[in-house]
C-alpha atoms as a PDB file:
ATOM      1  CA  MET A   1      10.204  -8.642 -17.857  1.00  0.00           C
ATOM      2  CA  SER A   2      13.352  -6.742 -16.864  1.00  0.00           C
ATOM      3  CA  ARG A   3      13.132  -4.870 -13.570  1.00  0.00           C
ATOM      4  CA  ARG A   4      14.216  -1.269 -13.378  1.00  0.00           C
ATOM      5  CA  SER A   5      13.771  -0.085  -9.856  1.00  0.00           C
ATOM      6  CA  TYR A   6      16.028   2.185  -7.839  1.00  0.00           C
ATOM      7  CA  SER A   7      15.340   0.360  -4.574  1.00  0.00           C
ATOM      8  CA  LYS A   8      14.143  -3.084  -3.566  1.00  0.00           C
ATOM      9  CA  HIS A   9      12.292  -1.423  -0.685  1.00  0.00           C
ATOM     10  CA  ILE A  10       9.990   0.670  -2.902  1.00  0.00           C
ATOM     11  CA  PRO A  11       7.284  -1.003  -5.030  1.00  0.00           C
ATOM     12  CA  ASP A  12       8.154  -1.148  -8.705  1.00  0.00           C
ATOM     13  CA  PHE A  13       5.010   0.175 -10.396  1.00  0.00           C
ATOM     14  CA  ARG A  14       5.842  -1.359 -13.754  1.00  0.00           C
ATOM     15  CA  LEU A  15       6.362  -4.732 -12.116  1.00  0.00           C
ATOM     16  CA  VAL A  16       3.024  -4.369 -10.337  1.00  0.00           C
ATOM     17  CA  THR A  17       1.354  -3.664 -13.685  1.00  0.00           C
ATOM     18  CA  PHE A  18       3.177  -6.595 -15.306  1.00  0.00           C
ATOM     19  CA  PHE A  19       1.777  -9.064 -12.769  1.00  0.00           C
ATOM     20  CA  ALA A  20      -1.687  -7.522 -13.073  1.00  0.00           C
ATOM     21  CA  GLU A  21      -1.761  -7.767 -16.863  1.00  0.00           C
ATOM     22  CA  ASN A  22      -0.181 -11.216 -17.241  1.00  0.00           C
ATOM     23  CA  GLY A  23      -1.250 -13.226 -14.203  1.00  0.00           C
ATOM     24  CA  THR A  24      -3.464 -16.299 -14.618  1.00  0.00           C
ATOM     25  CA  SER A  25      -4.267 -17.280 -11.032  1.00  0.00           C
ATOM     26  CA  TYR A  26      -7.760 -17.543  -9.591  1.00  0.00           C
ATOM     27  CA  ALA A  27      -7.225 -14.185  -7.859  1.00  0.00           C
ATOM     28  CA  HIS A  28      -6.545 -12.609 -11.272  1.00  0.00           C
ATOM     29  CA  ARG A  29      -9.732 -14.129 -12.691  1.00  0.00           C
ATOM     30  CA  ALA A  30     -11.900 -13.101  -9.746  1.00  0.00           C
ATOM     31  CA  SER A  31     -14.258 -10.180 -10.223  1.00  0.00           C
ATOM     32  CA  PRO A  32     -12.577  -6.827  -9.589  1.00  0.00           C
ATOM     33  CA  TRP A  33     -15.719  -5.751  -7.749  1.00  0.00           C
ATOM     34  CA  THR A  34     -15.209  -8.599  -5.283  1.00  0.00           C
ATOM     35  CA  LYS A  35     -11.573  -7.641  -4.689  1.00  0.00           C
ATOM     36  CA  ALA A  36     -12.415  -3.959  -4.303  1.00  0.00           C
ATOM     37  CA  GLY A  37     -15.148  -4.775  -1.792  1.00  0.00           C
ATOM     38  CA  LEU A  38     -12.846  -7.047   0.197  1.00  0.00           C
ATOM     39  CA  LEU A  39     -10.168  -4.348   0.271  1.00  0.00           C
ATOM     40  CA  ALA A  40     -12.658  -1.836   1.685  1.00  0.00           C
ATOM     41  CA  LEU A  41     -13.759  -4.390   4.279  1.00  0.00           C
ATOM     42  CA  MET A  42     -10.135  -5.126   5.193  1.00  0.00           C
ATOM     43  CA  VAL A  43      -9.597  -1.434   5.953  1.00  0.00           C
ATOM     44  CA  LEU A  44     -12.717  -1.402   8.144  1.00  0.00           C
ATOM     45  CA  PHE A  45     -11.589  -4.561   9.927  1.00  0.00           C
ATOM     46  CA  VAL A  46      -8.176  -3.166  10.912  1.00  0.00           C
ATOM     47  CA  ILE A  47      -9.869   0.008  12.183  1.00  0.00           C
ATOM     48  CA  ILE A  48     -12.399  -1.827  14.341  1.00  0.00           C
ATOM     49  CA  VAL A  49     -10.507  -4.925  15.511  1.00  0.00           C
ATOM     50  CA  THR A  50      -8.393  -4.517  18.643  1.00  0.00           C
ATOM     51  CA  ASP A  51      -7.756  -8.143  19.606  1.00  0.00           C
ATOM     52  CA  LEU A  52      -4.219  -9.346  18.849  1.00  0.00           C
ATOM     53  CA  TYR A  53      -5.301 -12.779  17.645  1.00  0.00           C
ATOM     54  CA  LEU A  54      -7.878 -11.354  15.252  1.00  0.00           C
ATOM     55  CA  LEU A  55      -5.254  -8.983  13.858  1.00  0.00           C
ATOM     56  CA  LEU A  56      -2.947 -11.970  13.333  1.00  0.00           C
ATOM     57  CA  LEU A  57      -5.804 -13.695  11.527  1.00  0.00           C
ATOM     58  CA  LEU A  58      -6.345 -10.673   9.264  1.00  0.00           C
ATOM     59  CA  PHE A  59      -2.648 -10.564   8.407  1.00  0.00           C
ATOM     60  CA  ALA A  60      -2.667 -14.315   7.698  1.00  0.00           C
ATOM     61  CA  ILE A  61      -5.670 -13.888   5.378  1.00  0.00           C
ATOM     62  CA  ALA A  62      -3.914 -11.074   3.508  1.00  0.00           C
ATOM     63  CA  MET A  63      -0.749 -13.184   3.128  1.00  0.00           C
ATOM     64  CA  ALA A  64      -2.787 -16.196   1.980  1.00  0.00           C
ATOM     65  CA  PHE A  65      -4.544 -14.103  -0.666  1.00  0.00           C
ATOM     66  CA  TYR A  66      -1.211 -12.724  -1.862  1.00  0.00           C
ATOM     67  CA  ALA A  67       0.339 -16.194  -2.026  1.00  0.00           C
ATOM     68  CA  SER A  68      -2.707 -17.697  -3.775  1.00  0.00           C
ATOM     69  CA  ALA A  69      -2.185 -15.213  -6.612  1.00  0.00           C
ATOM     70  CA  ARG A  70       1.309 -16.695  -7.136  1.00  0.00           C
ATOM     71  CA  LEU A  71       2.936 -13.322  -6.480  1.00  0.00           C
ATOM     72  CA  PRO A  72       6.594 -13.114  -5.356  1.00  0.00           C
ATOM     73  CA  LEU A  73       6.887 -13.182  -1.564  1.00  0.00           C
ATOM     74  CA  ARG A  74      10.528 -12.119  -1.727  1.00  0.00           C
ATOM     75  CA  LEU A  75       9.555  -8.790  -3.279  1.00  0.00           C
ATOM     76  CA  LEU A  76       6.787  -8.321  -0.737  1.00  0.00           C
ATOM     77  CA  PHE A  77       9.172  -8.667   2.208  1.00  0.00           C
ATOM     78  CA  GLY A  78      11.406  -5.995   0.669  1.00  0.00           C
ATOM     79  CA  TRP A  79       8.414  -3.701   0.181  1.00  0.00           C
ATOM     80  CA  PHE A  80       7.503  -4.135   3.852  1.00  0.00           C
ATOM     81  CA  THR A  81      10.435  -1.871   4.773  1.00  0.00           C
ATOM     82  CA  LEU A  82       8.614   1.442   4.277  1.00  0.00           C
ATOM     83  CA  PRO A  83       5.433   0.601   6.254  1.00  0.00           C
ATOM     84  CA  VAL A  84       7.531  -0.948   9.034  1.00  0.00           C
ATOM     85  CA  LEU A  85       9.697   2.175   9.318  1.00  0.00           C
ATOM     86  CA  PHE A  86       6.603   4.382   9.243  1.00  0.00           C
ATOM     87  CA  VAL A  87       4.872   2.420  12.022  1.00  0.00           C
ATOM     88  CA  VAL A  88       7.998   2.300  14.187  1.00  0.00           C
ATOM     89  CA  THR A  89       8.522   6.051  13.775  1.00  0.00           C
ATOM     90  CA  ILE A  90       4.936   6.827  14.774  1.00  0.00           C
ATOM     91  CA  THR A  91       4.803   4.308  17.622  1.00  0.00           C
ATOM     92  CA  LEU A  92       7.989   5.564  19.266  1.00  0.00           C
ATOM     93  CA  LEU A  93       6.046   8.676  20.261  1.00  0.00           C
ATOM     94  CA  PHE A  94       3.521   6.620  22.274  1.00  0.00           C
ATOM     95  CA  MET A  95       4.900   3.211  23.251  1.00  0.00           C
ATOM     96  CA  PHE A  96       6.927   4.607  26.184  1.00  0.00           C
ATOM     97  CA  THR A  97       3.856   6.283  27.676  1.00  0.00           C
ATOM     98  CA  GLU A  98       1.673   3.168  27.813  1.00  0.00           C
ATOM     99  CA  PRO A  99       0.930   1.939  31.364  1.00  0.00           C
ATOM    100  CA  GLY A 100       1.638  -1.676  32.175  1.00  0.00           C
ATOM    101  CA  LYS A 101       4.277  -4.081  33.423  1.00  0.00           C
ATOM    102  CA  ASN A 102       7.778  -2.651  32.990  1.00  0.00           C
ATOM    103  CA  LEU A 103      10.030  -4.625  30.650  1.00  0.00           C
ATOM    104  CA  VAL A 104      12.905  -2.144  30.354  1.00  0.00           C
ATOM    105  CA  SER A 105      13.437   0.870  32.567  1.00  0.00           C
ATOM    106  CA  VAL A 106      16.202   3.484  32.489  1.00  0.00           C
ATOM    107  CA  HIS A 107      16.875   6.912  33.989  1.00  0.00           C
ATOM    108  CA  LEU A 108      18.165   9.470  31.510  1.00  0.00           C
ATOM    109  CA  LEU A 109      18.963  13.048  32.545  1.00  0.00           C
ATOM    110  CA  GLY A 110      16.655  12.742  35.508  1.00  0.00           C
ATOM    111  CA  ILE A 111      13.800  11.378  33.380  1.00  0.00           C
ATOM    112  CA  HIS A 112      12.406   7.903  33.963  1.00  0.00           C
ATOM    113  CA  ILE A 113      11.823   6.060  30.671  1.00  0.00           C
ATOM    114  CA  ALA A 114      10.076   2.682  30.777  1.00  0.00           C
ATOM    115  CA  LEU A 115       8.983   0.251  28.101  1.00  0.00           C
ATOM    116  CA  THR A 116       5.953  -1.765  29.200  1.00  0.00           C
ATOM    117  CA  ASP A 117       4.247  -4.867  27.865  1.00  0.00           C
ATOM    118  CA  ASN A 118       1.355  -2.700  26.647  1.00  0.00           C
ATOM    119  CA  GLY A 119       3.828  -0.485  24.779  1.00  0.00           C
ATOM    120  CA  VAL A 120       5.218  -3.492  22.934  1.00  0.00           C
ATOM    121  CA  LEU A 121       1.679  -4.743  22.300  1.00  0.00           C
ATOM    122  CA  LEU A 122       0.774  -1.359  20.805  1.00  0.00           C
ATOM    123  CA  LEU A 123       3.701  -1.615  18.389  1.00  0.00           C
ATOM    124  CA  VAL A 124       2.766  -5.172  17.374  1.00  0.00           C
ATOM    125  CA  LYS A 125      -0.891  -4.298  16.783  1.00  0.00           C
ATOM    126  CA  LEU A 126      -0.106  -1.234  14.683  1.00  0.00           C
ATOM    127  CA  MET A 127       2.417  -3.247  12.700  1.00  0.00           C
ATOM    128  CA  LEU A 128      -0.117  -6.001  11.984  1.00  0.00           C
ATOM    129  CA  ARG A 129      -2.724  -3.446  10.917  1.00  0.00           C
ATOM    130  CA  ALA A 130      -0.342  -1.708   8.531  1.00  0.00           C
ATOM    131  CA  LEU A 131       1.085  -4.892   7.012  1.00  0.00           C
ATOM    132  CA  ALA A 132      -2.349  -6.468   6.558  1.00  0.00           C
ATOM    133  CA  VAL A 133      -3.634  -3.470   4.587  1.00  0.00           C
ATOM    134  CA  VAL A 134      -0.406  -3.071   2.591  1.00  0.00           C
ATOM    135  CA  THR A 135      -0.295  -6.766   1.689  1.00  0.00           C
ATOM    136  CA  PHE A 136      -3.936  -6.947   0.651  1.00  0.00           C
ATOM    137  CA  SER A 137      -3.713  -3.676  -1.290  1.00  0.00           C
ATOM    138  CA  LEU A 138      -0.653  -4.856  -3.218  1.00  0.00           C
ATOM    139  CA  ALA A 139      -2.353  -8.172  -3.942  1.00  0.00           C
ATOM    140  CA  VAL A 140      -5.422  -6.376  -5.303  1.00  0.00           C
ATOM    141  CA  PHE A 141      -3.407  -4.014  -7.522  1.00  0.00           C
ATOM    142  CA  MET A 142      -1.156  -6.867  -8.723  1.00  0.00           C
ATOM    143  CA  THR A 143      -4.158  -8.997  -9.743  1.00  0.00           C
ATOM    144  CA  THR A 144      -6.362  -6.290 -11.305  1.00  0.00           C
ATOM    145  CA  LYS A 145      -5.729  -4.772 -14.722  1.00  0.00           C
ATOM    146  CA  TYR A 146      -5.404  -1.024 -15.067  1.00  0.00           C
ATOM    147  CA  SER A 147      -8.492  -0.806 -17.292  1.00  0.00           C
ATOM    148  CA  GLN A 148     -10.499  -2.547 -14.572  1.00  0.00           C
ATOM    149  CA  ILE A 149      -9.171  -0.209 -11.880  1.00  0.00           C
ATOM    150  CA  ALA A 150     -10.045   2.751 -14.109  1.00  0.00           C
ATOM    151  CA  TYR A 151     -13.594   1.432 -14.591  1.00  0.00           C
ATOM    152  CA  ILE A 152     -14.109   1.000 -10.838  1.00  0.00           C
ATOM    153  CA  ALA A 153     -12.724   4.492 -10.186  1.00  0.00           C
ATOM    154  CA  THR A 154     -15.091   6.106 -12.690  1.00  0.00           C
ATOM    155  CA  LYS A 155     -18.091   4.262 -11.250  1.00  0.00           C
ATOM    156  CA  THR A 156     -17.403   4.813  -7.562  1.00  0.00           C
ATOM    157  CA  LEU A 157     -15.801   8.274  -7.458  1.00  0.00           C
ATOM    158  CA  PRO A 158     -16.989  11.688  -8.648  1.00  0.00           C
ATOM    159  CA  LYS A 159     -15.718  12.391 -12.150  1.00  0.00           C
ATOM    160  CA  THR A 160     -13.170  14.984 -11.028  1.00  0.00           C
ATOM    161  CA  LEU A 161     -11.737  12.747  -8.319  1.00  0.00           C
ATOM    162  CA  ALA A 162     -11.675   9.782 -10.700  1.00  0.00           C
ATOM    163  CA  ASN A 163      -9.671  11.763 -13.263  1.00  0.00           C
ATOM    164  CA  ILE A 164      -7.259  12.981 -10.570  1.00  0.00           C
ATOM    165  CA  PHE A 165      -6.787   9.399  -9.341  1.00  0.00           C
ATOM    166  CA  LEU A 166      -6.130   8.014 -12.832  1.00  0.00           C
ATOM    167  CA  LEU A 167      -3.744  10.832 -13.776  1.00  0.00           C
ATOM    168  CA  ALA A 168      -1.909  10.535 -10.448  1.00  0.00           C
ATOM    169  CA  TYR A 169      -1.543   6.785 -11.008  1.00  0.00           C
ATOM    170  CA  ARG A 170      -0.029   7.493 -14.417  1.00  0.00           C
ATOM    171  CA  PHE A 171       2.228  10.180 -12.969  1.00  0.00           C
ATOM    172  CA  THR A 172       3.819   7.706 -10.536  1.00  0.00           C
ATOM    173  CA  PHE A 173       5.350   5.918 -13.529  1.00  0.00           C
ATOM    174  CA  GLU A 174       6.869   9.145 -14.806  1.00  0.00           C
ATOM    175  CA  THR A 175       8.341  10.016 -11.398  1.00  0.00           C
ATOM    176  CA  SER A 176       9.726   6.504 -10.943  1.00  0.00           C
ATOM    177  CA  ASP A 177      11.341   6.596 -14.386  1.00  0.00           C
ATOM    178  CA  GLU A 178      12.924   9.985 -13.748  1.00  0.00           C
ATOM    179  CA  VAL A 179      14.386   8.899 -10.392  1.00  0.00           C
ATOM    180  CA  SER A 180      15.831   5.796 -12.057  1.00  0.00           C
ATOM    181  CA  ASP A 181      17.281   7.919 -14.889  1.00  0.00           C
ATOM    182  CA  VAL A 182      18.988  10.290 -12.424  1.00  0.00           C
ATOM    183  CA  LEU A 183      20.434   7.392 -10.405  1.00  0.00           C
ATOM    184  CA  ASP A 184      21.662   5.662 -13.576  1.00  0.00           C
ATOM    185  CA  ALA A 185      23.328   8.882 -14.733  1.00  0.00           C
ATOM    186  CA  MET A 186      24.966   9.361 -11.333  1.00  0.00           C
ATOM    187  CA  ARG A 187      26.351   5.812 -11.279  1.00  0.00           C
ATOM    188  CA  ALA A 188      27.585   6.147 -14.873  1.00  0.00           C
ATOM    189  CA  ARG A 189      29.639   9.150 -13.755  1.00  0.00           C
ATOM    190  CA  GLY A 190      31.134   7.317 -10.774  1.00  0.00           C
ATOM    191  CA  GLY A 191      28.716   8.662  -8.175  1.00  0.00           C
ATOM    192  CA  ASP A 192      27.992   6.798  -4.966  1.00  0.00           C
ATOM    193  CA  LEU A 193      25.226   6.990  -2.366  1.00  0.00           C
ATOM    194  CA  VAL A 194      27.455   5.793   0.488  1.00  0.00           C
ATOM    195  CA  ARG A 195      28.611   9.001   2.140  1.00  0.00           C
ATOM    196  CA  SER A 196      28.374  10.833   5.426  1.00  0.00           C
ATOM    197  CA  ALA A 197      24.890  11.561   6.724  1.00  0.00           C
ATOM    198  CA  THR A 198      25.036  15.245   5.735  1.00  0.00           C
ATOM    199  CA  ARG A 199      26.357  14.653   2.229  1.00  0.00           C
ATOM    200  CA  GLN A 200      23.963  11.741   1.707  1.00  0.00           C
ATOM    201  CA  ALA A 201      21.009  13.927   2.726  1.00  0.00           C
ATOM    202  CA  ARG A 202      22.091  16.607   0.227  1.00  0.00           C
ATOM    203  CA  THR A 203      22.572  13.942  -2.459  1.00  0.00           C
ATOM    204  CA  PHE A 204      19.090  12.504  -1.973  1.00  0.00           C
ATOM    205  CA  ALA A 205      17.561  15.988  -1.869  1.00  0.00           C
ATOM    206  CA  GLY A 206      19.207  16.806  -5.185  1.00  0.00           C
ATOM    207  CA  ILE A 207      18.165  13.493  -6.729  1.00  0.00           C
ATOM    208  CA  PHE A 208      14.496  13.787  -5.809  1.00  0.00           C
ATOM    209  CA  GLY A 209      14.358  17.508  -6.536  1.00  0.00           C
ATOM    210  CA  LEU A 210      15.805  17.030 -10.027  1.00  0.00           C
ATOM    211  CA  SER A 211      13.628  13.981 -10.622  1.00  0.00           C
ATOM    212  CA  PHE A 212      10.414  15.827  -9.758  1.00  0.00           C
ATOM    213  CA  VAL A 213      11.376  18.786 -11.962  1.00  0.00           C
ATOM    214  CA  HIS A 214      11.981  16.423 -14.895  1.00  0.00           C
ATOM    215  CA  ALA A 215       8.817  14.471 -14.093  1.00  0.00           C
ATOM    216  CA  PHE A 216       6.690  17.640 -14.101  1.00  0.00           C
ATOM    217  CA  GLU A 217       8.193  18.699 -17.427  1.00  0.00           C
ATOM    218  CA  ARG A 218       7.502  15.270 -18.863  1.00  0.00           C
ATOM    219  CA  ALA A 219       3.949  15.301 -17.494  1.00  0.00           C
ATOM    220  CA  GLU A 220       3.379  18.694 -19.123  1.00  0.00           C
ATOM    221  CA  ARG A 221       4.538  17.325 -22.475  1.00  0.00           C
ATOM    222  CA  ILE A 222       2.179  14.365 -22.041  1.00  0.00           C
ATOM    223  CA  ALA A 223      -0.715  16.702 -21.190  1.00  0.00           C
ATOM    224  CA  LYS A 224      -0.087  18.791 -24.312  1.00  0.00           C
ATOM    225  CA  ALA A 225       0.088  15.630 -26.415  1.00  0.00           C
ATOM    226  CA  MET A 226      -3.235  14.452 -24.938  1.00  0.00           C
ATOM    227  CA  GLU A 227      -4.886  17.807 -25.660  1.00  0.00           C
ATOM    228  CA  ALA A 228      -3.549  17.745 -29.213  1.00  0.00           C
ATOM    229  CA  ARG A 229      -5.235  14.358 -29.650  1.00  0.00           C
ATOM    230  CA  GLY A 230      -8.595  15.649 -28.452  1.00  0.00           C
ATOM    231  CA  PHE A 231      -8.553  14.747 -24.758  1.00  0.00           C
ATOM    232  CA  SER A 232     -11.647  16.341 -23.212  1.00  0.00           C
ATOM    233  CA  GLY A 233     -11.071  15.508 -19.547  1.00  0.00           C
ATOM    234  CA  GLU A 234     -12.850  12.158 -19.615  1.00  0.00           C
ATOM    235  CA  PHE A 235     -11.348   8.703 -19.917  1.00  0.00           C
ATOM    236  CA  PRO A 236     -13.384   6.522 -22.257  1.00  0.00           C
ATOM    237  CA  MET A 237     -14.212   3.101 -20.811  1.00  0.00           C
ATOM    238  CA  VAL A 238     -13.952   0.315 -23.367  1.00  0.00           C
ATOM    239  CA  GLU A 239     -14.243  -2.618 -20.953  1.00  0.00           C
ATOM    240  CA  ARG A 240     -17.189  -3.490 -18.725  1.00  0.00           C
ATOM    241  CA  LEU A 241     -16.527  -5.505 -15.616  1.00  0.00           C
ATOM    242  CA  PRO A 242     -18.369  -8.731 -14.824  1.00  0.00           C
ATOM    243  CA  ARG A 243     -20.396  -8.824 -11.659  1.00  0.00           C
ATOM    244  CA  PRO A 244     -19.259 -11.093  -8.837  1.00  0.00           C
ATOM    245  CA  GLY A 245     -20.326 -14.703  -9.200  1.00  0.00           C
ATOM    246  CA  PRO A 246     -22.121 -16.718  -6.520  1.00  0.00           C
ATOM    247  CA  GLY A 247     -18.792 -17.453  -4.823  1.00  0.00           C
ATOM    248  CA  GLY A 248     -17.840 -13.788  -4.830  1.00  0.00           C
ATOM    249  CA  TYR A 249     -21.161 -12.743  -3.313  1.00  0.00           C
ATOM    250  CA  ALA A 250     -20.824 -15.475  -0.677  1.00  0.00           C
ATOM    251  CA  ILE A 251     -17.327 -14.271   0.320  1.00  0.00           C
ATOM    252  CA  LEU A 252     -18.508 -10.662   0.514  1.00  0.00           C
ATOM    253  CA  LEU A 253     -21.566 -11.579   2.601  1.00  0.00           C
ATOM    254  CA  LEU A 254     -19.417 -13.675   4.952  1.00  0.00           C
ATOM    255  CA  ALA A 255     -16.950 -10.804   5.362  1.00  0.00           C
ATOM    256  CA  ILE A 256     -19.762  -8.287   5.986  1.00  0.00           C
ATOM    257  CA  ALA A 257     -21.364 -10.599   8.555  1.00  0.00           C
ATOM    258  CA  SER A 258     -18.018 -11.071  10.318  1.00  0.00           C
ATOM    259  CA  LEU A 259     -17.498  -7.301  10.386  1.00  0.00           C
ATOM    260  CA  ALA A 260     -20.974  -6.823  11.856  1.00  0.00           C
ATOM    261  CA  VAL A 261     -20.280  -9.373  14.609  1.00  0.00           C
ATOM    262  CA  VAL A 262     -16.904  -7.811  15.462  1.00  0.00           C
ATOM    263  CA  SER A 263     -18.415  -4.319  15.491  1.00  0.00           C
ATOM    264  CA  TYR A 264     -21.308  -5.419  17.718  1.00  0.00           C
ATOM    265  CA  SER A 265     -18.905  -7.158  20.095  1.00  0.00           C
ATOM    266  CA  ARG A 266     -16.737  -4.055  20.429  1.00  0.00           C
ATOM    267  CA  TYR A 267     -19.286  -1.256  20.552  1.00  0.00           C
ATOM    268  CA  VAL A 268     -22.439  -2.866  21.993  1.00  0.00           C
ATOM    269  CA  THR A 269     -21.882  -6.054  23.991  1.00  0.00           C
ATOM    270  CA  ASN A 270     -18.691  -7.987  24.523  1.00  0.00           C
ATOM    271  CA  LEU A 271     -19.638 -11.315  22.979  1.00  0.00           C
ATOM    272  CA  PHE A 272     -16.354 -13.169  23.234  1.00  0.00           C
ATOM    273  CA  GLY A 273     -14.718 -11.741  26.350  1.00  0.00           C
ATOM    274  CA  TRP A 274     -12.177  -9.701  24.333  1.00  0.00           C
END
C-alpha cells in the first residue's frame, strides 16, 4: 500500500485501516469484544493507578500487545509526537507548583521558580498514562476491521450516537484527503512550509481552513449520494462478531480481578504499601 500522509506525526487513517483489514496476527484473529473490553479496562487502569512501576507495567503491556500484532513500531514512535506535546503543554502548568526536593531553582523578575522531583514525577506519570492508552487504542483499531468496529458501536451505543460515531470516523478520511490535496497543490506550485513563525501560522490557518471547507462540501455530496441510494439513517450490519473464546474470557477476568485489587488497595486499604 502506498502511504499518503501529510505528516509522519499524525496517524494515517488509511494505513490504520489497511493493517486492520489485512493483518493475520493472533491479535487480528482475537475476538473484537475481547479487545474492546481490554481497551475499556486499560482506560480505567490509567485513571486509578498512581504507582510509577504499575504505570510502567501498563505501558509495557500496551507496547507488547502492539508488537505482537506485528505493527510498525517506527510509525508508532512518530505518532507519539502529538500526545507527548499535549502532555508536556498541560503539565507545564502544574509541574512547577509541586512540593518536593528542588532539582532546579531560578529567580525570574522577583519570582522564585523551582522544579522539584515530584514535578518531574508528575510529568512522567502523565506521559506513561497517555502513551499507554494511545498505544493500546492504536493497536485495537489497527487489528479490528471497520465492520467489526461498526457492529460493536451499534450494540454498545444508542443508535444516534452510534451513527454519529460511524459518520465521524468516515469524515476523518475526507478531511485527511483534503489536507493532503491542499499540501500537494501548494508544493506543486513551489510553496514551502518553512517560513517565519507569523507567516507559517497564517499558512497553516489557510491550509486547514480551506481543507475543512472542501471536506464539508465533499461530505455534503456524499450525504446526498447516500440519500439518493435510500439511506434511512441506519447502518445495516452484515457481519456478526464471534464471542470471546475461553482464552479471551480468562484474560478479561484476570484484568478485571487485577483492576479490583488495585482499586481496593487505593481506595479502601493499602495492600502493598504504595
